[in-house]
Structure formats: C-alpha cells, structure tokens
Amino acid sequence: MSGPNDDAADSRSSLLQSVGFLARSVQILTFEEFFAALSDTGLTPAVHATLFMVRQNPGVRQGVVANALHILDPNMTKLVGGLMAAGLVEKQNDHGDRRAVSLRLTRKGQAYLASLDDRIAELDLVYTGGLTDDERSVFVSLLQRVHANLSARRNGRRPSAPEGRTRRAKASTSGAP
C-alpha cells in the first residue's frame, strides 16, 4: 500500500531527472553558499559577475555586460551606480556613440576584486567538491554547451541536436521550470 510520502518521493525522483529543476535548485544552493562564504563583504553574485566581466574586458559597454549577465538595463544602471558610488567602477562615454557607456575598474575596484579572488576560487571548489578534476572539466563543458544552446534559442537560432539524441518526454513534462 502506498501512502502520501511515496507520492512525494516519486515526484521528487521525477524532478531530479528534470534539467530545469536541477539547474534552478543548484542555482539556489550555490547562491546560498556564496552569501554564506562572503557575508562579510556584502558582495552579491551579480556584483561579482559585473566586476569580473569589467576586469576581463576593460572599456566594455554597460549594455553588453547587462546582456551577458541577463540583467535588465534599469537594474544594471542601479548596480553600476552603486559600484561608482563605492569607487569600484568608473564610466566613460563612448566617443563613437554618445549614448553608449563603457566601464572600467578603478584602482580600488581592481584591488577589491583581487582581494576576493582566492575566496571565489575556494567557493568554486565547494560547488564541485564531489567531483574529480576530470568530472569537473566535463561538467563545466556540458554547462557551457547548455548555455550556448539556450543562448542560441534566445537569439532566434536553434542549434541542432547531436547524433543519437532522443527526446525524453517524461523528463520534459515533469512540471519543472
């Protein structure tokens, strides 16, 4: 005889086969780890990603950062305003397009981000703690492919499925996001 707990276990088991559910659940768990590990800094994942992207691409346009990080323009404007007020980022008007704004880290921003690099690297190890180096490499590669596929769809292109790929209807209809 099965009871309500069996139904809940079956539902959870089905959800654990859903890419959408797992991706969202992992995002929540990684954010929880991020906030716990960096609670003394006030840093958020969005602020870290913005600072990191600007450090890697000095002079990048604010809109490019917003698009790459999936941050709405008004929210990015507010985020950058806070970074400017903290003295971490500076804006420069693009001489070719007066509407465009490019971003650079200030010296203070560079030092701040550098001071967090080891902690961020340790956090990345926490996220993948149960994986070998080879498994982590494969995992990151697969996440990059999923990201590329979804980005292509978002931009109106539909990437082709690899040979031998079959649709798993049960997983895709689990009700997960």
C-alpha atoms as a PDB file:
ATOM      1  CA  MET A   1       0.000   0.000   0.000  1.00  0.00           C
ATOM      2  CA  SER A   2       1.416   3.342  -0.968  1.00  0.00           C
ATOM      3  CA  GLY A   3       0.884   6.497   1.029  1.00  0.00           C
ATOM      4  CA  PRO A   4       1.296  10.234   0.522  1.00  0.00           C
ATOM      5  CA  ASN A   5       5.018  10.062   1.341  1.00  0.00           C
ATOM      6  CA  ASP A   6       5.534   7.590  -1.504  1.00  0.00           C
ATOM      7  CA  ASP A   7       3.869  10.027  -3.915  1.00  0.00           C
ATOM      8  CA  ALA A   8       6.136  12.837  -2.694  1.00  0.00           C
ATOM      9  CA  ALA A   9       9.204  10.620  -3.133  1.00  0.00           C
ATOM     10  CA  ASP A  10       8.083   9.720  -6.670  1.00  0.00           C
ATOM     11  CA  SER A  11       7.553  13.408  -7.513  1.00  0.00           C
ATOM     12  CA  ARG A  12      10.974  14.345  -6.146  1.00  0.00           C
ATOM     13  CA  SER A  13      12.567  11.489  -8.066  1.00  0.00           C
ATOM     14  CA  SER A  14      10.953  12.763 -11.273  1.00  0.00           C
ATOM     15  CA  LEU A  15      12.082  16.310 -10.538  1.00  0.00           C
ATOM     16  CA  LEU A  16      15.639  15.087 -10.042  1.00  0.00           C
ATOM     17  CA  GLN A  17      15.564  13.987 -13.688  1.00  0.00           C
ATOM     18  CA  SER A  18      14.493  17.426 -14.869  1.00  0.00           C
ATOM     19  CA  VAL A  19      17.291  19.671 -16.141  1.00  0.00           C
ATOM     20  CA  GLY A  20      15.218  22.773 -15.399  1.00  0.00           C
ATOM     21  CA  PHE A  21      14.543  21.782 -11.802  1.00  0.00           C
ATOM     22  CA  LEU A  22      18.145  20.752 -11.166  1.00  0.00           C
ATOM     23  CA  ALA A  23      19.537  23.932 -12.709  1.00  0.00           C
ATOM     24  CA  ARG A  24      17.278  26.112 -10.549  1.00  0.00           C
ATOM     25  CA  SER A  25      17.957  24.072  -7.420  1.00  0.00           C
ATOM     26  CA  VAL A  26      21.720  24.210  -7.978  1.00  0.00           C
ATOM     27  CA  GLN A  27      21.491  27.976  -8.566  1.00  0.00           C
ATOM     28  CA  ILE A  28      19.730  28.441  -5.242  1.00  0.00           C
ATOM     29  CA  LEU A  29      22.232  26.239  -3.417  1.00  0.00           C
ATOM     30  CA  THR A  30      25.249  27.976  -4.982  1.00  0.00           C
ATOM     31  CA  PHE A  31      23.820  31.390  -4.103  1.00  0.00           C
ATOM     32  CA  GLU A  32      23.308  30.242  -0.507  1.00  0.00           C
ATOM     33  CA  GLU A  33      26.941  29.095  -0.377  1.00  0.00           C
ATOM     34  CA  PHE A  34      28.078  32.359  -1.988  1.00  0.00           C
ATOM     35  CA  PHE A  35      26.253  34.527   0.540  1.00  0.00           C
ATOM     36  CA  ALA A  36      27.437  32.409   3.491  1.00  0.00           C
ATOM     37  CA  ALA A  37      31.075  32.462   2.370  1.00  0.00           C
ATOM     38  CA  LEU A  38      31.133  36.167   1.514  1.00  0.00           C
ATOM     39  CA  SER A  39      28.664  37.574   4.038  1.00  0.00           C
ATOM     40  CA  ASP A  40      31.322  39.905   5.446  1.00  0.00           C
ATOM     41  CA  THR A  41      31.782  41.602   2.053  1.00  0.00           C
ATOM     42  CA  GLY A  42      28.216  42.472   1.094  1.00  0.00           C
ATOM     43  CA  LEU A  43      29.049  41.119  -2.356  1.00  0.00           C
ATOM     44  CA  THR A  44      26.271  39.588  -4.451  1.00  0.00           C
ATOM     45  CA  PRO A  45      26.668  37.179  -7.377  1.00  0.00           C
ATOM     46  CA  ALA A  46      25.508  39.906  -9.783  1.00  0.00           C
ATOM     47  CA  VAL A  47      28.008  42.441  -8.427  1.00  0.00           C
ATOM     48  CA  HIS A  48      30.836  39.905  -8.532  1.00  0.00           C
ATOM     49  CA  ALA A  49      29.977  38.862 -12.097  1.00  0.00           C
ATOM     50  CA  THR A  50      29.821  42.508 -13.186  1.00  0.00           C
ATOM     51  CA  LEU A  51      33.163  43.383 -11.585  1.00  0.00           C
ATOM     52  CA  PHE A  52      34.752  40.238 -13.008  1.00  0.00           C
ATOM     53  CA  MET A  53      33.455  40.916 -16.512  1.00  0.00           C
ATOM     54  CA  VAL A  54      34.630  44.531 -16.413  1.00  0.00           C
ATOM     55  CA  ARG A  55      38.067  43.436 -15.175  1.00  0.00           C
ATOM     56  CA  GLN A  56      38.338  40.911 -18.021  1.00  0.00           C
ATOM     57  CA  ASN A  57      37.070  43.438 -20.603  1.00  0.00           C
ATOM     58  CA  PRO A  58      38.177  46.980 -19.705  1.00  0.00           C
ATOM     59  CA  GLY A  59      36.084  49.506 -21.588  1.00  0.00           C
ATOM     60  CA  VAL A  60      33.198  47.087 -22.132  1.00  0.00           C
ATOM     61  CA  ARG A  61      29.875  48.742 -22.740  1.00  0.00           C
ATOM     62  CA  GLN A  62      27.396  48.649 -19.887  1.00  0.00           C
ATOM     63  CA  GLY A  63      24.700  47.196 -22.150  1.00  0.00           C
ATOM     64  CA  VAL A  64      26.982  44.339 -23.204  1.00  0.00           C
ATOM     65  CA  VAL A  65      27.548  43.454 -19.536  1.00  0.00           C
ATOM     66  CA  ALA A  66      23.818  43.645 -18.819  1.00  0.00           C
ATOM     67  CA  ASN A  67      23.014  41.399 -21.767  1.00  0.00           C
ATOM     68  CA  ALA A  68      25.733  38.855 -20.983  1.00  0.00           C
ATOM     69  CA  LEU A  69      24.671  38.607 -17.339  1.00  0.00           C
ATOM     70  CA  HIS A  70      20.927  38.663 -18.103  1.00  0.00           C
ATOM     71  CA  ILE A  71      20.422  41.803 -16.037  1.00  0.00           C
ATOM     72  CA  LEU A  72      17.693  44.230 -17.097  1.00  0.00           C
ATOM     73  CA  ASP A  73      19.000  47.655 -18.156  1.00  0.00           C
ATOM     74  CA  PRO A  74      17.358  49.586 -15.273  1.00  0.00           C
ATOM     75  CA  ASN A  75      18.782  47.097 -12.770  1.00  0.00           C
ATOM     76  CA  MET A  76      22.243  47.306 -14.360  1.00  0.00           C
ATOM     77  CA  THR A  77      22.079  51.101 -14.216  1.00  0.00           C
ATOM     78  CA  LYS A  78      21.342  50.915 -10.485  1.00  0.00           C
ATOM     79  CA  LEU A  79      24.044  48.271  -9.914  1.00  0.00           C
ATOM     80  CA  VAL A  80      26.676  50.333 -11.772  1.00  0.00           C
ATOM     81  CA  GLY A  81      25.584  53.437  -9.883  1.00  0.00           C
ATOM     82  CA  GLY A  82      26.273  51.636  -6.621  1.00  0.00           C
ATOM     83  CA  LEU A  83      29.665  50.451  -7.867  1.00  0.00           C
ATOM     84  CA  MET A  84      30.521  54.003  -8.907  1.00  0.00           C
ATOM     85  CA  ALA A  85      29.412  55.384  -5.542  1.00  0.00           C
ATOM     86  CA  ALA A  86      31.665  52.819  -3.853  1.00  0.00           C
ATOM     87  CA  GLY A  87      34.550  53.923  -6.067  1.00  0.00           C
ATOM     88  CA  LEU A  88      34.936  50.498  -7.701  1.00  0.00           C
ATOM     89  CA  VAL A  89      33.928  51.322 -11.279  1.00  0.00           C
ATOM     90  CA  GLU A  90      34.146  54.365 -13.498  1.00  0.00           C
ATOM     91  CA  LYS A  91      32.063  55.180 -16.550  1.00  0.00           C
ATOM     92  CA  GLN A  92      33.394  56.631 -19.745  1.00  0.00           C
ATOM     93  CA  ASN A  93      31.302  57.950 -22.591  1.00  0.00           C
ATOM     94  CA  ASP A  94      31.979  56.236 -25.883  1.00  0.00           C
ATOM     95  CA  HIS A  95      33.287  58.840 -28.320  1.00  0.00           C
ATOM     96  CA  GLY A  96      31.748  56.991 -31.280  1.00  0.00           C
ATOM     97  CA  ASP A  97      28.290  56.711 -29.693  1.00  0.00           C
ATOM     98  CA  ARG A  98      27.347  59.293 -27.070  1.00  0.00           C
ATOM     99  CA  ARG A  99      24.511  57.067 -25.813  1.00  0.00           C
ATOM    100  CA  ALA A 100      26.898  54.193 -25.046  1.00  0.00           C
ATOM    101  CA  VAL A 101      28.728  53.998 -21.739  1.00  0.00           C
ATOM    102  CA  SER A 102      31.853  51.936 -21.220  1.00  0.00           C
ATOM    103  CA  LEU A 103      33.034  50.648 -17.854  1.00  0.00           C
ATOM    104  CA  ARG A 104      36.436  50.244 -16.233  1.00  0.00           C
ATOM    105  CA  LEU A 105      37.501  49.168 -12.789  1.00  0.00           C
ATOM    106  CA  THR A 106      39.144  51.851 -10.707  1.00  0.00           C
ATOM    107  CA  ARG A 107      42.347  51.003  -8.835  1.00  0.00           C
ATOM    108  CA  LYS A 108      40.171  50.483  -5.783  1.00  0.00           C
ATOM    109  CA  GLY A 109      37.924  48.142  -7.797  1.00  0.00           C
ATOM    110  CA  GLN A 110      40.909  46.174  -9.062  1.00  0.00           C
ATOM    111  CA  ALA A 111      42.301  45.798  -5.535  1.00  0.00           C
ATOM    112  CA  TYR A 112      38.896  44.849  -4.124  1.00  0.00           C
ATOM    113  CA  LEU A 113      38.296  42.153  -6.705  1.00  0.00           C
ATOM    114  CA  ALA A 114      41.856  40.833  -6.380  1.00  0.00           C
ATOM    115  CA  SER A 115      41.342  40.565  -2.611  1.00  0.00           C
ATOM    116  CA  LEU A 116      38.409  38.231  -3.241  1.00  0.00           C
ATOM    117  CA  ASP A 117      39.941  36.026  -5.947  1.00  0.00           C
ATOM    118  CA  ASP A 118      41.170  33.286  -3.577  1.00  0.00           C
ATOM    119  CA  ARG A 119      37.846  33.158  -1.739  1.00  0.00           C
ATOM    120  CA  ILE A 120      35.934  32.918  -5.016  1.00  0.00           C
ATOM    121  CA  ALA A 121      38.252  30.137  -6.223  1.00  0.00           C
ATOM    122  CA  GLU A 122      37.684  28.239  -2.951  1.00  0.00           C
ATOM    123  CA  LEU A 123      33.951  28.688  -3.351  1.00  0.00           C
ATOM    124  CA  ASP A 124      34.135  27.223  -6.838  1.00  0.00           C
ATOM    125  CA  LEU A 125      35.792  24.152  -5.293  1.00  0.00           C
ATOM    126  CA  VAL A 126      32.930  23.901  -2.799  1.00  0.00           C
ATOM    127  CA  TYR A 127      30.418  23.916  -5.653  1.00  0.00           C
ATOM    128  CA  THR A 128      32.117  20.957  -7.309  1.00  0.00           C
ATOM    129  CA  GLY A 129      33.514  19.292  -4.190  1.00  0.00           C
ATOM    130  CA  GLY A 130      32.274  15.793  -5.006  1.00  0.00           C
ATOM    131  CA  LEU A 131      33.798  15.788  -8.492  1.00  0.00           C
ATOM    132  CA  THR A 132      37.244  14.785  -9.688  1.00  0.00           C
ATOM    133  CA  ASP A 133      39.149  17.307 -11.802  1.00  0.00           C
ATOM    134  CA  ASP A 134      38.164  15.378 -14.945  1.00  0.00           C
ATOM    135  CA  GLU A 135      34.494  15.249 -13.898  1.00  0.00           C
ATOM    136  CA  ARG A 136      34.548  18.965 -13.129  1.00  0.00           C
ATOM    137  CA  SER A 137      36.011  19.661 -16.565  1.00  0.00           C
ATOM    138  CA  VAL A 138      33.281  17.592 -18.257  1.00  0.00           C
ATOM    139  CA  PHE A 139      30.598  19.221 -16.084  1.00  0.00           C
ATOM    140  CA  VAL A 140      31.765  22.732 -16.993  1.00  0.00           C
ATOM    141  CA  SER A 141      31.964  21.762 -20.659  1.00  0.00           C
ATOM    142  CA  LEU A 142      28.399  20.425 -20.579  1.00  0.00           C
ATOM    143  CA  LEU A 143      27.128  23.535 -18.800  1.00  0.00           C
ATOM    144  CA  GLN A 144      28.824  25.662 -21.465  1.00  0.00           C
ATOM    145  CA  ARG A 145      27.058  23.669 -24.192  1.00  0.00           C
ATOM    146  CA  VAL A 146      23.677  24.034 -22.485  1.00  0.00           C
ATOM    147  CA  HIS A 147      24.351  27.750 -22.090  1.00  0.00           C
ATOM    148  CA  ALA A 148      25.326  28.075 -25.764  1.00  0.00           C
ATOM    149  CA  ASN A 149      22.242  26.151 -26.889  1.00  0.00           C
ATOM    150  CA  LEU A 150      19.859  28.246 -24.795  1.00  0.00           C
ATOM    151  CA  SER A 151      21.598  31.468 -25.839  1.00  0.00           C
ATOM    152  CA  ALA A 152      21.214  30.471 -29.481  1.00  0.00           C
ATOM    153  CA  ARG A 153      17.497  29.835 -28.970  1.00  0.00           C
ATOM    154  CA  ARG A 154      17.140  33.168 -27.215  1.00  0.00           C
ATOM    155  CA  ASN A 155      18.706  34.856 -30.231  1.00  0.00           C
ATOM    156  CA  GLY A 156      16.380  33.129 -32.683  1.00  0.00           C
ATOM    157  CA  ARG A 157      18.679  30.282 -33.704  1.00  0.00           C
ATOM    158  CA  ARG A 158      18.005  26.652 -32.975  1.00  0.00           C
ATOM    159  CA  PRO A 159      21.133  24.543 -32.564  1.00  0.00           C
ATOM    160  CA  SER A 160      20.970  21.040 -33.951  1.00  0.00           C
ATOM    161  CA  ALA A 161      20.870  18.117 -31.533  1.00  0.00           C
ATOM    162  CA  PRO A 162      23.883  15.797 -31.511  1.00  0.00           C
ATOM    163  CA  GLU A 163      23.529  12.477 -33.339  1.00  0.00           C
ATOM    164  CA  GLY A 164      21.871   9.787 -31.267  1.00  0.00           C
ATOM    165  CA  ARG A 165      19.967  12.309 -29.181  1.00  0.00           C
ATOM    166  CA  THR A 166      16.437  11.272 -28.349  1.00  0.00           C
ATOM    167  CA  ARG A 167      13.751  13.269 -26.657  1.00  0.00           C
ATOM    168  CA  ARG A 168      12.914  12.227 -23.129  1.00  0.00           C
ATOM    169  CA  ALA A 169       9.272  13.226 -22.906  1.00  0.00           C
ATOM    170  CA  LYS A 170       8.847  12.113 -19.309  1.00  0.00           C
ATOM    171  CA  ALA A 171      11.608  14.407 -18.036  1.00  0.00           C
ATOM    172  CA  SER A 172      10.443  17.326 -20.164  1.00  0.00           C
ATOM    173  CA  THR A 173       6.888  17.133 -18.801  1.00  0.00           C
ATOM    174  CA  SER A 174       7.753  16.927 -15.115  1.00  0.00           C
ATOM    175  CA  GLY A 175       6.377  20.401 -14.462  1.00  0.00           C
ATOM    176  CA  ALA A 176       9.811  21.810 -13.686  1.00  0.00           C
ATOM    177  CA  PRO A 177      10.782  25.304 -14.814  1.00  0.00           C
END
